[in-house]
N, C-alpha and C. Protein backbone atom coordinates (compact mmCIF):
# COMPACT_ATOMS: atom_id res chain seq x y z
N MET A 1 0.84 -1.18 0.00
CA MET A 1 0.00 0.00 0.00
C MET A 1 0.89 1.25 0.00
N SER A 2 0.55 2.23 -0.82
CA SER A 2 1.36 3.44 -0.90
C SER A 2 1.05 4.38 0.26
N ASN A 3 2.01 5.22 0.54
CA ASN A 3 1.79 6.18 1.62
C ASN A 3 0.96 7.36 1.09
N PRO A 4 0.41 8.19 1.97
CA PRO A 4 -0.47 9.29 1.54
C PRO A 4 0.21 10.27 0.57
N LYS A 5 1.50 10.54 0.76
CA LYS A 5 2.19 11.46 -0.15
C LYS A 5 2.26 10.88 -1.55
N GLU A 6 2.59 9.60 -1.66
CA GLU A 6 2.65 8.95 -2.98
C GLU A 6 1.28 8.92 -3.63
N ALA A 7 0.24 8.66 -2.85
CA ALA A 7 -1.13 8.63 -3.37
C ALA A 7 -1.54 10.01 -3.88
N LEU A 8 -1.18 11.05 -3.14
CA LEU A 8 -1.50 12.43 -3.56
C LEU A 8 -0.76 12.77 -4.84
N GLU A 9 0.52 12.45 -4.90
CA GLU A 9 1.30 12.73 -6.11
C GLU A 9 0.72 11.99 -7.31
N ARG A 10 0.34 10.75 -7.14
CA ARG A 10 -0.24 9.97 -8.23
C ARG A 10 -1.56 10.60 -8.69
N GLU A 11 -2.39 11.03 -7.74
CA GLU A 11 -3.66 11.67 -8.08
C GLU A 11 -3.42 12.94 -8.91
N LEU A 12 -2.45 13.75 -8.48
CA LEU A 12 -2.16 14.99 -9.20
C LEU A 12 -1.58 14.72 -10.59
N LEU A 13 -0.70 13.73 -10.69
CA LEU A 13 -0.14 13.37 -11.99
C LEU A 13 -1.22 12.89 -12.95
N GLU A 14 -2.14 12.08 -12.45
CA GLU A 14 -3.23 11.59 -13.28
C GLU A 14 -4.14 12.73 -13.72
N MET A 15 -4.43 13.65 -12.81
CA MET A 15 -5.29 14.78 -13.13
C MET A 15 -4.64 15.68 -14.17
N ASP A 16 -3.34 15.93 -14.00
CA ASP A 16 -2.65 16.80 -14.94
C ASP A 16 -2.55 16.15 -16.32
N ALA A 17 -2.29 14.85 -16.36
CA ALA A 17 -2.26 14.12 -17.64
C ALA A 17 -3.63 14.19 -18.31
N ALA A 18 -4.70 14.07 -17.53
CA ALA A 18 -6.05 14.17 -18.08
C ALA A 18 -6.30 15.57 -18.64
N PHE A 19 -5.80 16.59 -17.95
CA PHE A 19 -5.95 17.96 -18.45
C PHE A 19 -5.23 18.12 -19.79
N LEU A 20 -3.98 17.68 -19.87
CA LEU A 20 -3.22 17.82 -21.11
C LEU A 20 -3.88 17.03 -22.25
N ASN A 21 -4.36 15.85 -21.96
CA ASN A 21 -5.07 15.07 -22.98
C ASN A 21 -6.36 15.76 -23.42
N ALA A 22 -7.04 16.41 -22.48
CA ALA A 22 -8.26 17.14 -22.83
C ALA A 22 -7.94 18.31 -23.76
N VAL A 23 -6.84 19.00 -23.50
CA VAL A 23 -6.42 20.09 -24.40
C VAL A 23 -6.13 19.50 -25.78
N PHE A 24 -5.36 18.42 -25.82
CA PHE A 24 -5.02 17.79 -27.09
C PHE A 24 -6.27 17.39 -27.88
N ASN A 25 -7.27 16.87 -27.17
CA ASN A 25 -8.50 16.39 -27.80
C ASN A 25 -9.58 17.46 -27.90
N ARG A 26 -9.25 18.68 -27.53
CA ARG A 26 -10.19 19.82 -27.57
C ARG A 26 -11.45 19.53 -26.75
N ASP A 27 -11.25 18.90 -25.60
CA ASP A 27 -12.37 18.57 -24.71
C ASP A 27 -12.64 19.76 -23.79
N VAL A 28 -13.37 20.72 -24.31
CA VAL A 28 -13.64 21.96 -23.60
C VAL A 28 -14.42 21.71 -22.31
N LEU A 29 -15.35 20.76 -22.33
CA LEU A 29 -16.15 20.49 -21.13
C LEU A 29 -15.29 20.00 -19.97
N PHE A 30 -14.32 19.12 -20.25
CA PHE A 30 -13.43 18.63 -19.19
C PHE A 30 -12.59 19.79 -18.65
N VAL A 31 -12.01 20.57 -19.54
CA VAL A 31 -11.16 21.69 -19.11
C VAL A 31 -11.98 22.69 -18.30
N ASP A 32 -13.20 22.94 -18.72
CA ASP A 32 -14.08 23.86 -17.99
C ASP A 32 -14.31 23.38 -16.56
N ARG A 33 -14.41 22.06 -16.38
CA ARG A 33 -14.64 21.51 -15.03
C ARG A 33 -13.42 21.63 -14.13
N ILE A 34 -12.23 21.47 -14.70
CA ILE A 34 -11.02 21.43 -13.87
C ILE A 34 -10.50 22.84 -13.55
N LEU A 35 -10.88 23.83 -14.36
CA LEU A 35 -10.39 25.19 -14.13
C LEU A 35 -11.43 26.01 -13.38
N PRO A 36 -11.03 26.68 -12.30
CA PRO A 36 -11.96 27.55 -11.59
C PRO A 36 -12.13 28.87 -12.34
N ASN A 37 -13.11 29.63 -11.94
CA ASN A 37 -13.37 30.93 -12.59
C ASN A 37 -12.22 31.90 -12.43
N ASP A 38 -11.39 31.74 -11.38
CA ASP A 38 -10.27 32.66 -11.16
C ASP A 38 -8.96 32.15 -11.76
N PHE A 39 -9.03 31.18 -12.66
CA PHE A 39 -7.84 30.63 -13.32
C PHE A 39 -7.10 31.71 -14.12
N LEU A 40 -5.75 31.63 -14.08
CA LEU A 40 -4.89 32.49 -14.90
C LEU A 40 -3.83 31.63 -15.56
N SER A 41 -3.47 32.01 -16.79
CA SER A 41 -2.41 31.33 -17.50
C SER A 41 -1.48 32.38 -18.09
N VAL A 42 -0.17 32.14 -17.96
CA VAL A 42 0.82 33.04 -18.55
C VAL A 42 1.49 32.29 -19.69
N PHE A 43 1.37 32.85 -20.89
CA PHE A 43 1.90 32.23 -22.09
C PHE A 43 3.33 32.69 -22.34
N PRO A 44 4.05 31.97 -23.22
CA PRO A 44 5.47 32.29 -23.47
C PRO A 44 5.71 33.72 -23.95
N ASP A 45 4.73 34.31 -24.61
CA ASP A 45 4.90 35.69 -25.10
C ASP A 45 4.50 36.74 -24.06
N GLY A 46 4.16 36.29 -22.85
CA GLY A 46 3.83 37.21 -21.78
C GLY A 46 2.35 37.50 -21.62
N ARG A 47 1.54 37.00 -22.54
CA ARG A 47 0.09 37.23 -22.41
C ARG A 47 -0.43 36.50 -21.18
N VAL A 48 -1.34 37.17 -20.48
CA VAL A 48 -2.03 36.56 -19.34
C VAL A 48 -3.46 36.30 -19.78
N MET A 49 -3.89 35.05 -19.63
CA MET A 49 -5.23 34.67 -20.06
C MET A 49 -6.06 34.22 -18.87
N ASP A 50 -7.34 34.52 -18.93
CA ASP A 50 -8.26 34.04 -17.91
C ASP A 50 -8.90 32.73 -18.38
N LYS A 51 -9.83 32.24 -17.61
CA LYS A 51 -10.46 30.96 -17.94
C LYS A 51 -11.14 31.00 -19.30
N ALA A 52 -11.89 32.06 -19.58
CA ALA A 52 -12.60 32.15 -20.86
C ALA A 52 -11.63 32.08 -22.04
N ALA A 53 -10.50 32.79 -21.94
CA ALA A 53 -9.51 32.77 -23.01
C ALA A 53 -8.86 31.39 -23.13
N GLU A 54 -8.64 30.74 -21.99
CA GLU A 54 -8.06 29.39 -22.02
C GLU A 54 -9.02 28.40 -22.69
N LEU A 55 -10.30 28.52 -22.39
CA LEU A 55 -11.27 27.65 -23.03
C LEU A 55 -11.33 27.89 -24.53
N GLU A 56 -11.22 29.14 -24.95
CA GLU A 56 -11.17 29.44 -26.39
C GLU A 56 -9.91 28.85 -27.01
N ASN A 57 -8.80 28.91 -26.29
CA ASN A 57 -7.56 28.30 -26.77
C ASN A 57 -7.75 26.80 -26.97
N VAL A 58 -8.42 26.15 -26.04
CA VAL A 58 -8.67 24.71 -26.15
C VAL A 58 -9.54 24.42 -27.38
N ARG A 59 -10.53 25.27 -27.63
CA ARG A 59 -11.41 25.08 -28.79
C ARG A 59 -10.65 25.16 -30.11
N THR A 60 -9.62 25.99 -30.17
CA THR A 60 -8.97 26.30 -31.45
C THR A 60 -7.56 25.74 -31.60
N VAL A 61 -7.01 25.15 -30.56
CA VAL A 61 -5.63 24.68 -30.62
C VAL A 61 -5.47 23.64 -31.73
N GLN A 62 -4.37 23.72 -32.43
CA GLN A 62 -4.08 22.76 -33.50
C GLN A 62 -2.81 22.01 -33.13
N LEU A 63 -2.95 21.19 -32.11
CA LEU A 63 -1.85 20.43 -31.55
C LEU A 63 -1.80 19.06 -32.22
N GLU A 64 -0.66 18.75 -32.84
CA GLU A 64 -0.51 17.46 -33.52
C GLU A 64 0.07 16.39 -32.60
N PHE A 65 0.89 16.81 -31.62
CA PHE A 65 1.61 15.86 -30.79
C PHE A 65 2.07 16.57 -29.53
N PHE A 66 2.11 15.83 -28.43
CA PHE A 66 2.76 16.35 -27.22
C PHE A 66 3.27 15.19 -26.39
N SER A 67 4.28 15.47 -25.58
CA SER A 67 4.77 14.50 -24.60
C SER A 67 5.34 15.28 -23.43
N THR A 68 5.36 14.64 -22.28
CA THR A 68 5.91 15.27 -21.08
C THR A 68 7.02 14.40 -20.52
N ASP A 69 7.98 15.05 -19.86
CA ASP A 69 9.00 14.32 -19.11
C ASP A 69 9.56 15.25 -18.04
N ASP A 70 10.48 14.72 -17.27
CA ASP A 70 11.10 15.48 -16.18
C ASP A 70 10.04 16.11 -15.27
N ILE A 71 9.05 15.31 -14.90
CA ILE A 71 7.93 15.81 -14.10
C ILE A 71 8.30 15.82 -12.63
N GLN A 72 8.06 16.94 -11.99
CA GLN A 72 8.30 17.09 -10.56
C GLN A 72 7.00 17.55 -9.90
N VAL A 73 6.67 16.93 -8.79
CA VAL A 73 5.49 17.30 -8.02
C VAL A 73 5.96 17.86 -6.68
N HIS A 74 5.52 19.06 -6.36
CA HIS A 74 5.86 19.71 -5.10
C HIS A 74 4.56 19.98 -4.35
N CYS A 75 4.37 19.33 -3.21
CA CYS A 75 3.17 19.51 -2.40
C CYS A 75 3.49 20.40 -1.21
N TYR A 76 2.61 21.32 -0.95
CA TYR A 76 2.75 22.25 0.18
C TYR A 76 1.53 22.05 1.06
N GLY A 77 1.71 21.21 2.07
CA GLY A 77 0.58 20.80 2.87
C GLY A 77 -0.27 19.85 2.05
N ASP A 78 -1.56 19.79 2.35
CA ASP A 78 -2.41 18.91 1.56
C ASP A 78 -3.43 19.68 0.74
N ALA A 79 -3.15 20.99 0.50
CA ALA A 79 -4.11 21.78 -0.26
C ALA A 79 -3.48 22.57 -1.41
N ILE A 80 -2.15 22.56 -1.54
CA ILE A 80 -1.48 23.29 -2.62
C ILE A 80 -0.41 22.39 -3.22
N ALA A 81 -0.36 22.36 -4.55
CA ALA A 81 0.66 21.56 -5.23
C ALA A 81 1.07 22.26 -6.52
N ILE A 82 2.33 22.10 -6.88
CA ILE A 82 2.86 22.62 -8.13
C ILE A 82 3.48 21.47 -8.90
N LEU A 83 3.07 21.32 -10.15
CA LEU A 83 3.68 20.35 -11.05
C LEU A 83 4.53 21.12 -12.04
N ASN A 84 5.77 20.71 -12.18
CA ASN A 84 6.69 21.33 -13.13
C ASN A 84 7.20 20.24 -14.04
N PHE A 85 7.23 20.51 -15.34
CA PHE A 85 7.64 19.48 -16.28
C PHE A 85 8.10 20.10 -17.59
N ARG A 86 8.79 19.28 -18.37
CA ARG A 86 9.15 19.68 -19.73
C ARG A 86 8.07 19.14 -20.65
N LEU A 87 7.60 20.00 -21.54
CA LEU A 87 6.56 19.65 -22.50
C LEU A 87 7.14 19.80 -23.90
N THR A 88 7.09 18.73 -24.66
CA THR A 88 7.47 18.78 -26.07
C THR A 88 6.17 18.77 -26.85
N LEU A 89 6.01 19.73 -27.76
CA LEU A 89 4.78 19.81 -28.51
C LEU A 89 5.03 20.18 -29.96
N LYS A 90 4.11 19.76 -30.80
CA LYS A 90 4.17 20.10 -32.21
C LYS A 90 2.80 20.64 -32.60
N MET A 91 2.79 21.91 -32.99
CA MET A 91 1.59 22.56 -33.47
C MET A 91 1.53 22.39 -34.99
N LEU A 92 0.34 22.42 -35.54
CA LEU A 92 0.14 22.30 -36.98
C LEU A 92 0.98 23.35 -37.71
N ASP A 93 1.70 22.92 -38.73
CA ASP A 93 2.51 23.81 -39.58
C ASP A 93 3.63 24.53 -38.83
N ARG A 94 4.08 23.97 -37.72
CA ARG A 94 5.20 24.55 -36.97
C ARG A 94 6.17 23.44 -36.60
N ASP A 95 7.41 23.83 -36.34
CA ASP A 95 8.40 22.87 -35.88
C ASP A 95 8.10 22.48 -34.43
N PRO A 96 8.50 21.28 -34.02
CA PRO A 96 8.35 20.90 -32.61
C PRO A 96 9.11 21.88 -31.72
N GLU A 97 8.60 22.07 -30.52
CA GLU A 97 9.27 22.94 -29.56
C GLU A 97 9.17 22.33 -28.18
N GLN A 98 10.06 22.80 -27.30
CA GLN A 98 10.04 22.37 -25.91
C GLN A 98 9.84 23.59 -25.02
N VAL A 99 9.02 23.39 -24.00
CA VAL A 99 8.76 24.44 -23.02
C VAL A 99 8.82 23.82 -21.63
N ARG A 100 8.98 24.66 -20.64
CA ARG A 100 8.81 24.28 -19.24
C ARG A 100 7.43 24.75 -18.84
N ASP A 101 6.67 23.86 -18.28
CA ASP A 101 5.32 24.19 -17.82
C ASP A 101 5.25 24.01 -16.32
N SER A 102 4.52 24.88 -15.69
CA SER A 102 4.19 24.74 -14.27
C SER A 102 2.69 24.89 -14.13
N HIS A 103 2.08 23.97 -13.41
CA HIS A 103 0.66 24.02 -13.11
C HIS A 103 0.50 24.07 -11.60
N VAL A 104 -0.26 25.04 -11.13
CA VAL A 104 -0.51 25.21 -9.70
C VAL A 104 -1.92 24.71 -9.40
N TYR A 105 -2.00 23.77 -8.47
CA TYR A 105 -3.28 23.20 -8.07
C TYR A 105 -3.58 23.59 -6.62
N VAL A 106 -4.87 23.85 -6.37
CA VAL A 106 -5.36 24.16 -5.02
C VAL A 106 -6.55 23.25 -4.77
N GLN A 107 -6.60 22.71 -3.56
CA GLN A 107 -7.75 21.89 -3.21
C GLN A 107 -8.81 22.77 -2.57
N ARG A 108 -9.99 22.76 -3.18
CA ARG A 108 -11.12 23.56 -2.68
C ARG A 108 -12.32 22.63 -2.54
N ASP A 109 -12.93 22.64 -1.38
CA ASP A 109 -14.11 21.81 -1.13
C ASP A 109 -13.88 20.34 -1.51
N GLY A 110 -12.67 19.86 -1.22
CA GLY A 110 -12.35 18.46 -1.47
C GLY A 110 -11.98 18.12 -2.90
N CYS A 111 -11.91 19.12 -3.78
CA CYS A 111 -11.58 18.88 -5.19
C CYS A 111 -10.34 19.69 -5.58
N TRP A 112 -9.48 19.09 -6.38
CA TRP A 112 -8.31 19.80 -6.89
C TRP A 112 -8.70 20.60 -8.13
N GLN A 113 -8.22 21.85 -8.18
CA GLN A 113 -8.44 22.70 -9.34
C GLN A 113 -7.12 23.34 -9.73
N MET A 114 -6.88 23.45 -11.03
CA MET A 114 -5.69 24.14 -11.51
C MET A 114 -6.01 25.64 -11.51
N VAL A 115 -5.32 26.40 -10.68
CA VAL A 115 -5.58 27.83 -10.58
C VAL A 115 -4.64 28.67 -11.43
N MET A 116 -3.51 28.07 -11.86
CA MET A 116 -2.58 28.83 -12.68
C MET A 116 -1.72 27.89 -13.51
N GLY A 117 -1.42 28.34 -14.72
CA GLY A 117 -0.47 27.67 -15.59
C GLY A 117 0.55 28.69 -16.08
N GLN A 118 1.80 28.28 -16.19
CA GLN A 118 2.89 29.14 -16.66
C GLN A 118 3.71 28.36 -17.66
N THR A 119 3.92 28.92 -18.84
CA THR A 119 4.69 28.25 -19.89
C THR A 119 5.89 29.12 -20.25
N THR A 120 7.08 28.52 -20.22
CA THR A 120 8.32 29.22 -20.54
C THR A 120 9.07 28.45 -21.61
N PRO A 121 9.43 29.12 -22.73
CA PRO A 121 10.15 28.41 -23.78
C PRO A 121 11.52 27.95 -23.31
N ILE A 122 11.94 26.79 -23.82
CA ILE A 122 13.31 26.32 -23.62
C ILE A 122 14.06 26.73 -24.87
N LEU A 123 14.98 27.64 -24.72
CA LEU A 123 15.72 28.16 -25.88
C LEU A 123 17.01 27.42 -26.10
């Protein structure tokens, strides 16, 4: 049997993988459920997007491929967690690129929600 920390990390990894797969598959309903109304995302060009803009991004993204590696989970108590990882992605009609992504999760009313995403290009 795994310890509580391992179980929490596994839950967060599974949730984050489900989020990334939902973006890839343009599953707006899933993304809408996991993101709270106060969600913010910072894109590589410095744009800050709210939940509505993120949902529009999911609707229109033309992602051909993605993979993650070098995943680190940092838990702060049992209500805040940050996942940091390298994301390799290929957008339609663009060369593959690598970025560092960080997703901040907060537990509210017994449910984990991603409250912030930050994407930084790997140059």
